[in-house]
């Protein structure tokens, strides 16, 4: 496999919001993203943006770009449905959950530890819903699998 372009991970999801500018500000405040690029179009509409979290990148845009991408919708435009959720590793899941809650995230699942046994791993994670209805899992690795002999 060839290397990715500089600054890009192998996969980068795109999320759509009714008000992407507001969502970008919220994602930075609540989850700790940083804006790498923001392209504004007519009436301040976000045509494209790139938000970074460590080495991860997500793209965020307004869902109102019907003339070019009629199939794109935010969860609020389809009755709250999600066809995917995103998972990110964080250093301190308890602190991250507190920050998200204080910023208005709806905590769907409080932090819980899942231990798949020594052959696998142990993580602590929580699930929340953002201002646009997208679901996120934030996870802290507690133990890596034991190396196989």
Protein backbone atom coordinates (compact mmCIF):
# COMPACT_ATOMS: atom_id res chain seq x y z
CA UNK A 1 0.00 0.00 0.00
CA UNK A 2 1.33 3.42 -0.92
CA UNK A 3 1.71 6.00 1.86
CA UNK A 4 -1.08 8.52 2.36
CA UNK A 5 -0.62 12.19 1.46
CA UNK A 6 1.23 14.12 4.20
CA UNK A 7 -1.05 14.91 7.15
CA UNK A 8 -3.79 12.49 6.13
CA UNK A 9 -4.68 9.22 7.86
CA UNK A 10 -5.76 6.20 5.83
CA UNK A 11 -9.45 6.95 6.44
CA UNK A 12 -11.19 10.29 7.09
CA UNK A 13 -14.95 10.37 7.71
CA UNK A 14 -17.12 13.28 6.61
CA UNK A 15 -19.97 14.53 8.80
CA UNK A 16 -22.83 16.81 7.80
CA UNK A 17 -24.66 19.29 10.00
CA UNK A 18 -27.53 21.73 9.47
CA UNK A 19 -25.25 24.46 10.87
CA UNK A 20 -21.68 23.28 10.30
CA UNK A 21 -20.07 26.51 11.55
CA UNK A 22 -21.80 26.11 14.91
CA UNK A 23 -20.99 22.38 14.97
CA UNK A 24 -17.30 23.03 14.27
CA UNK A 25 -17.06 25.45 17.19
CA UNK A 26 -18.86 22.95 19.40
CA UNK A 27 -16.74 19.96 18.32
CA UNK A 28 -13.59 21.93 19.18
CA UNK A 29 -14.92 23.02 22.58
CA UNK A 30 -16.62 19.75 23.60
CA UNK A 31 -14.34 17.09 22.12
CA UNK A 32 -10.99 18.83 21.66
CA UNK A 33 -10.74 19.02 17.87
CA UNK A 34 -8.64 21.72 16.20
CA UNK A 35 -9.55 23.39 12.91
CA UNK A 36 -6.98 22.76 10.19
CA UNK A 37 -9.01 24.18 7.29
CA UNK A 38 -12.38 25.86 6.89
CA UNK A 39 -13.78 26.82 3.46
CA UNK A 40 -16.79 29.12 3.60
CA UNK A 41 -19.18 29.58 0.72
CA UNK A 42 -22.25 31.71 0.14
CA UNK A 43 -23.87 33.14 3.27
CA UNK A 44 -21.12 31.66 5.48
CA UNK A 45 -22.10 28.11 4.59
CA UNK A 46 -19.29 25.63 5.30
CA UNK A 47 -18.41 23.97 2.01
CA UNK A 48 -15.55 21.93 3.48
CA UNK A 49 -13.55 21.79 6.67
CA UNK A 50 -10.88 19.61 8.20
CA UNK A 51 -10.73 19.08 11.96
CA UNK A 52 -7.85 17.22 13.58
CA UNK A 53 -7.69 15.15 16.75
CA UNK A 54 -4.17 13.81 17.23
CA UNK A 55 -3.34 12.13 13.93
CA UNK A 56 -7.05 11.73 13.02
CA UNK A 57 -8.92 13.96 10.58
CA UNK A 58 -12.65 14.45 10.08
CA UNK A 59 -14.28 16.60 7.45
CA UNK A 60 -17.33 18.69 8.36
CA UNK A 61 -19.69 20.55 6.02
CA UNK A 62 -23.19 21.92 5.85
CA UNK A 63 -25.79 19.40 4.76
CA UNK A 64 -27.55 22.06 2.68
CA UNK A 65 -25.34 21.50 -0.39
CA UNK A 66 -28.23 19.87 -2.26
CA UNK A 67 -27.27 20.98 -5.75
CA UNK A 68 -24.14 18.85 -5.75
CA UNK A 69 -24.65 16.23 -3.05
CA UNK A 70 -28.38 15.61 -2.68
CA UNK A 71 -27.86 12.42 -0.63
CA UNK A 72 -26.03 14.09 2.27
CA UNK A 73 -28.06 14.64 5.44
CA UNK A 74 -27.48 15.29 9.10
CA UNK A 75 -29.10 12.84 11.56
CA UNK A 76 -31.67 15.54 12.43
CA UNK A 77 -32.83 15.55 8.83
CA UNK A 78 -33.54 11.81 8.85
CA UNK A 79 -35.34 11.39 12.14
CA UNK A 80 -32.17 11.07 14.22
CA UNK A 81 -30.92 7.95 12.43
CA UNK A 82 -27.20 7.22 12.30
CA UNK A 83 -25.65 4.82 9.83
CA UNK A 84 -22.28 5.03 11.54
CA UNK A 85 -20.73 6.12 14.80
CA UNK A 86 -17.20 7.30 15.33
CA UNK A 87 -14.67 6.00 17.86
CA UNK A 88 -11.64 7.93 19.05
CA UNK A 89 -8.97 7.04 21.58
CA UNK A 90 -8.42 9.62 24.32
CA UNK A 91 -5.87 9.78 27.15
CA UNK A 92 -8.40 10.24 29.99
CA UNK A 93 -11.93 9.07 29.26
CA UNK A 94 -13.37 10.41 32.54
CA UNK A 95 -12.03 13.93 31.92
CA UNK A 96 -13.16 13.80 28.29
CA UNK A 97 -16.68 12.73 29.29
CA UNK A 98 -16.87 15.56 31.82
CA UNK A 99 -15.78 18.11 29.18
CA UNK A 100 -18.31 16.79 26.65
CA UNK A 101 -21.13 16.79 29.22
CA UNK A 102 -20.33 20.35 30.32
CA UNK A 103 -20.45 21.43 26.67
CA UNK A 104 -23.92 19.97 26.20
CA UNK A 105 -23.23 16.53 24.74
CA UNK A 106 -25.97 14.02 25.51
CA UNK A 107 -24.25 11.14 27.28
CA UNK A 108 -25.86 7.98 25.91
CA UNK A 109 -23.67 5.58 27.89
CA UNK A 110 -21.61 6.54 30.94
CA UNK A 111 -17.96 5.39 31.01
CA UNK A 112 -17.77 1.64 31.42
CA UNK A 113 -14.86 -0.79 31.39
CA UNK A 114 -14.93 -3.69 28.95
CA UNK A 115 -12.39 -6.47 29.47
CA UNK A 116 -12.12 -9.09 26.77
CA UNK A 117 -9.51 -11.12 28.68
CA UNK A 118 -5.74 -11.29 28.60
CA UNK A 119 -5.64 -12.52 25.01
CA UNK A 120 -7.40 -9.36 23.90
CA UNK A 121 -7.62 -5.95 25.58
CA UNK A 122 -9.38 -3.87 28.17
CA UNK A 123 -10.86 -0.44 27.42
CA UNK A 124 -12.95 2.16 29.22
CA UNK A 125 -15.39 4.04 26.99
CA UNK A 126 -18.50 6.17 26.83
CA UNK A 127 -20.95 7.02 24.07
CA UNK A 128 -22.44 10.44 23.44
CA UNK A 129 -24.49 12.34 20.90
CA UNK A 130 -23.24 15.65 19.50
CA UNK A 131 -25.18 18.81 18.61
CA UNK A 132 -26.08 17.40 15.18
CA UNK A 133 -27.21 13.98 16.40
CA UNK A 134 -24.05 12.07 15.44
CA UNK A 135 -22.98 9.33 17.87
CA UNK A 136 -19.42 9.10 19.15
CA UNK A 137 -17.48 6.59 21.27
CA UNK A 138 -14.50 7.88 23.23
CA UNK A 139 -12.22 5.15 24.51
CA UNK A 140 -9.20 4.84 26.76
CA UNK A 141 -7.04 1.73 26.44
CA UNK A 142 -6.43 0.20 29.86
CA UNK A 143 -4.54 -2.93 28.83
CA UNK A 144 -3.17 -4.26 25.58
CA UNK A 145 -3.36 -7.96 24.72
CA UNK A 146 -0.63 -10.20 26.05
CA UNK A 147 1.84 -11.06 23.28
CA UNK A 148 1.38 -14.55 21.90
CA UNK A 149 4.24 -16.86 22.76
